[in-house]
Amino acid sequence: MTRSRVPHPVLVIAPAGTLDTETSPAFADFVDESLHARPATEAVILDLTEVALLTHGGLRAVRGARRHVERHGIRVVIVAEPGGLVARALYGTTVFDTRREAISAARLSA
């Protein structure tokens, strides 16, 4: 997993590989640590374009991370490959096709 390093009000978190029941705790911890490391964060971009496999447990983790971040008053914007497995799993959620679109949307709403 990576996160943007430059101090900025928009934090990008980009997990890669498999997001499932086994990897979900590490993902949740990473999101929480990232928020603590960047207290001036106004929006979080969850860039899921490098997630190759999202199981039901991983989907719960993404939704849980979103709720956790939003409880801190921070907007969450999600990026996923258009028409891909992750985007389809997040049906009913606003999902952007590119990180650039998501960052623009986050800045407009901040």
C-alpha atoms as a PDB file:
ATOM      1  CA  MET A   1       0.000   0.000   0.000  1.00  0.00           C
ATOM      2  CA  THR A   2       1.104   3.515  -0.641  1.00  0.00           C
ATOM      3  CA  ARG A   3       0.004   6.959   0.419  1.00  0.00           C
ATOM      4  CA  SER A   4       0.830  10.370  -0.952  1.00  0.00           C
ATOM      5  CA  ARG A   5       3.887  11.845   0.749  1.00  0.00           C
ATOM      6  CA  VAL A   6       3.525  15.544  -0.019  1.00  0.00           C
ATOM      7  CA  PRO A   7       1.678  17.552   2.659  1.00  0.00           C
ATOM      8  CA  HIS A   8      -1.612  18.351   0.985  1.00  0.00           C
ATOM      9  CA  PRO A   9      -5.261  18.461   2.067  1.00  0.00           C
ATOM     10  CA  VAL A  10      -6.020  15.526  -0.266  1.00  0.00           C
ATOM     11  CA  LEU A  11      -4.556  12.199   0.895  1.00  0.00           C
ATOM     12  CA  VAL A  12      -4.287   9.375  -1.657  1.00  0.00           C
ATOM     13  CA  ILE A  13      -4.280   5.799  -0.338  1.00  0.00           C
ATOM     14  CA  ALA A  14      -3.609   3.128  -2.958  1.00  0.00           C
ATOM     15  CA  PRO A  15      -3.721  -0.528  -1.910  1.00  0.00           C
ATOM     16  CA  ALA A  16      -2.579  -3.140  -4.434  1.00  0.00           C
ATOM     17  CA  GLY A  17      -3.079  -6.852  -4.975  1.00  0.00           C
ATOM     18  CA  THR A  18      -5.670  -8.701  -2.945  1.00  0.00           C
ATOM     19  CA  LEU A  19      -8.028  -7.064  -0.493  1.00  0.00           C
ATOM     20  CA  ASP A  20      -9.742  -9.807   1.469  1.00  0.00           C
ATOM     21  CA  THR A  21     -10.425 -10.993   5.018  1.00  0.00           C
ATOM     22  CA  GLU A  22      -6.728 -11.664   5.640  1.00  0.00           C
ATOM     23  CA  THR A  23      -5.449  -8.328   4.318  1.00  0.00           C
ATOM     24  CA  SER A  24      -8.325  -6.177   5.607  1.00  0.00           C
ATOM     25  CA  PRO A  25      -6.868  -5.547   9.090  1.00  0.00           C
ATOM     26  CA  ALA A  26      -3.610  -4.241   7.583  1.00  0.00           C
ATOM     27  CA  PHE A  27      -5.612  -2.042   5.200  1.00  0.00           C
ATOM     28  CA  ALA A  28      -7.700  -0.622   8.065  1.00  0.00           C
ATOM     29  CA  ASP A  29      -4.571   0.033  10.145  1.00  0.00           C
ATOM     30  CA  PHE A  30      -2.885   1.731   7.181  1.00  0.00           C
ATOM     31  CA  VAL A  31      -5.866   4.037   6.642  1.00  0.00           C
ATOM     32  CA  ASP A  32      -5.919   4.957  10.339  1.00  0.00           C
ATOM     33  CA  GLU A  33      -2.138   5.528  10.480  1.00  0.00           C
ATOM     34  CA  SER A  34      -2.335   7.660   7.339  1.00  0.00           C
ATOM     35  CA  LEU A  35      -4.985   9.897   8.900  1.00  0.00           C
ATOM     36  CA  HIS A  36      -2.884  10.356  12.034  1.00  0.00           C
ATOM     37  CA  ALA A  37       0.217  11.119   9.954  1.00  0.00           C
ATOM     38  CA  ARG A  38      -1.676  13.791   7.990  1.00  0.00           C
ATOM     39  CA  PRO A  39      -3.960  15.643  10.453  1.00  0.00           C
ATOM     40  CA  ALA A  40      -4.741  18.463   7.983  1.00  0.00           C
ATOM     41  CA  THR A  41      -6.397  16.040   5.553  1.00  0.00           C
ATOM     42  CA  GLU A  42      -9.671  17.306   4.099  1.00  0.00           C
ATOM     43  CA  ALA A  43     -10.330  14.470   1.624  1.00  0.00           C
ATOM     44  CA  VAL A  44      -9.135  10.897   1.129  1.00  0.00           C
ATOM     45  CA  ILE A  45      -8.847   9.292  -2.286  1.00  0.00           C
ATOM     46  CA  LEU A  46      -9.086   5.500  -2.083  1.00  0.00           C
ATOM     47  CA  ASP A  47      -7.412   4.519  -5.338  1.00  0.00           C
ATOM     48  CA  LEU A  48      -8.371   0.886  -5.895  1.00  0.00           C
ATOM     49  CA  THR A  49      -7.124   0.643  -9.485  1.00  0.00           C
ATOM     50  CA  GLU A  50      -4.300  -1.730  -8.457  1.00  0.00           C
ATOM     51  CA  VAL A  51      -6.557  -4.046  -6.453  1.00  0.00           C
ATOM     52  CA  ALA A  52      -6.667  -7.249  -8.501  1.00  0.00           C
ATOM     53  CA  LEU A  53      -8.986  -9.207  -6.197  1.00  0.00           C
ATOM     54  CA  LEU A  54     -11.661  -7.756  -3.927  1.00  0.00           C
ATOM     55  CA  THR A  55     -13.533 -10.347  -1.898  1.00  0.00           C
ATOM     56  CA  HIS A  56     -16.585  -9.810   0.277  1.00  0.00           C
ATOM     57  CA  GLY A  57     -14.234  -9.263   3.235  1.00  0.00           C
ATOM     58  CA  GLY A  58     -12.296  -6.675   1.262  1.00  0.00           C
ATOM     59  CA  LEU A  59     -15.489  -4.905   0.264  1.00  0.00           C
ATOM     60  CA  ARG A  60     -16.466  -4.707   3.938  1.00  0.00           C
ATOM     61  CA  ALA A  61     -13.014  -3.257   4.668  1.00  0.00           C
ATOM     62  CA  VAL A  62     -13.422  -0.555   1.999  1.00  0.00           C
ATOM     63  CA  ARG A  63     -16.858   0.371   3.313  1.00  0.00           C
ATOM     64  CA  GLY A  64     -15.573   0.320   6.901  1.00  0.00           C
ATOM     65  CA  ALA A  65     -12.617   2.537   5.995  1.00  0.00           C
ATOM     66  CA  ARG A  66     -14.962   4.956   4.287  1.00  0.00           C
ATOM     67  CA  ARG A  67     -17.203   5.172   7.368  1.00  0.00           C
ATOM     68  CA  HIS A  68     -14.161   5.562   9.647  1.00  0.00           C
ATOM     69  CA  VAL A  69     -12.738   8.434   7.593  1.00  0.00           C
ATOM     70  CA  GLU A  70     -16.113  10.152   7.222  1.00  0.00           C
ATOM     71  CA  ARG A  71     -16.602  10.031  11.018  1.00  0.00           C
ATOM     72  CA  HIS A  72     -13.599  12.356  11.190  1.00  0.00           C
ATOM     73  CA  GLY A  73     -15.450  14.809   8.919  1.00  0.00           C
ATOM     74  CA  ILE A  74     -13.262  13.933   5.931  1.00  0.00           C
ATOM     75  CA  ARG A  75     -14.720  13.258   2.485  1.00  0.00           C
ATOM     76  CA  VAL A  76     -13.849   9.964   0.779  1.00  0.00           C
ATOM     77  CA  VAL A  77     -13.611   9.621  -2.995  1.00  0.00           C
ATOM     78  CA  ILE A  78     -13.052   6.237  -4.648  1.00  0.00           C
ATOM     79  CA  VAL A  79     -11.178   5.428  -7.866  1.00  0.00           C
ATOM     80  CA  ALA A  80     -11.461   2.073  -9.639  1.00  0.00           C
ATOM     81  CA  GLU A  81     -10.817   0.721 -13.097  1.00  0.00           C
ATOM     82  CA  PRO A  82     -13.870   1.505 -15.252  1.00  0.00           C
ATOM     83  CA  GLY A  83     -16.030  -1.593 -15.685  1.00  0.00           C
ATOM     84  CA  GLY A  84     -13.617  -3.667 -13.600  1.00  0.00           C
ATOM     85  CA  LEU A  85     -14.378  -6.070 -10.782  1.00  0.00           C
ATOM     86  CA  VAL A  86     -13.887  -3.460  -8.064  1.00  0.00           C
ATOM     87  CA  ALA A  87     -16.075  -0.843  -9.750  1.00  0.00           C
ATOM     88  CA  ARG A  88     -18.818  -3.443 -10.235  1.00  0.00           C
ATOM     89  CA  ALA A  89     -18.545  -4.548  -6.590  1.00  0.00           C
ATOM     90  CA  LEU A  90     -19.042  -0.932  -5.526  1.00  0.00           C
ATOM     91  CA  TYR A  91     -22.257  -0.614  -7.538  1.00  0.00           C
ATOM     92  CA  GLY A  92     -24.367   2.215  -6.140  1.00  0.00           C
ATOM     93  CA  THR A  93     -21.294   4.126  -4.956  1.00  0.00           C
ATOM     94  CA  THR A  94     -19.852   7.042  -6.876  1.00  0.00           C
ATOM     95  CA  VAL A  95     -16.610   5.718  -8.350  1.00  0.00           C
ATOM     96  CA  PHE A  96     -14.272   7.787 -10.499  1.00  0.00           C
ATOM     97  CA  ASP A  97     -12.316   6.351 -13.422  1.00  0.00           C
ATOM     98  CA  THR A  98      -9.049   8.182 -12.750  1.00  0.00           C
ATOM     99  CA  ARG A  99      -7.162   9.586  -9.787  1.00  0.00           C
ATOM    100  CA  ARG A 100      -7.118  12.995 -11.484  1.00  0.00           C
ATOM    101  CA  GLU A 101     -10.948  13.051 -11.683  1.00  0.00           C
ATOM    102  CA  ALA A 102     -11.221  11.972  -8.054  1.00  0.00           C
ATOM    103  CA  ILE A 103      -8.789  14.633  -6.832  1.00  0.00           C
ATOM    104  CA  SER A 104     -10.682  17.303  -8.784  1.00  0.00           C
ATOM    105  CA  ALA A 105     -13.972  16.139  -7.262  1.00  0.00           C
ATOM    106  CA  ALA A 106     -12.456  16.118  -3.762  1.00  0.00           C
ATOM    107  CA  ARG A 107     -11.097  19.638  -4.182  1.00  0.00           C
ATOM    108  CA  LEU A 108     -14.439  20.957  -5.440  1.00  0.00           C
ATOM    109  CA  SER A 109     -16.294  19.595  -2.451  1.00  0.00           C
ATOM    110  CA  ALA A 110     -13.714  20.540   0.174  1.00  0.00           C
END
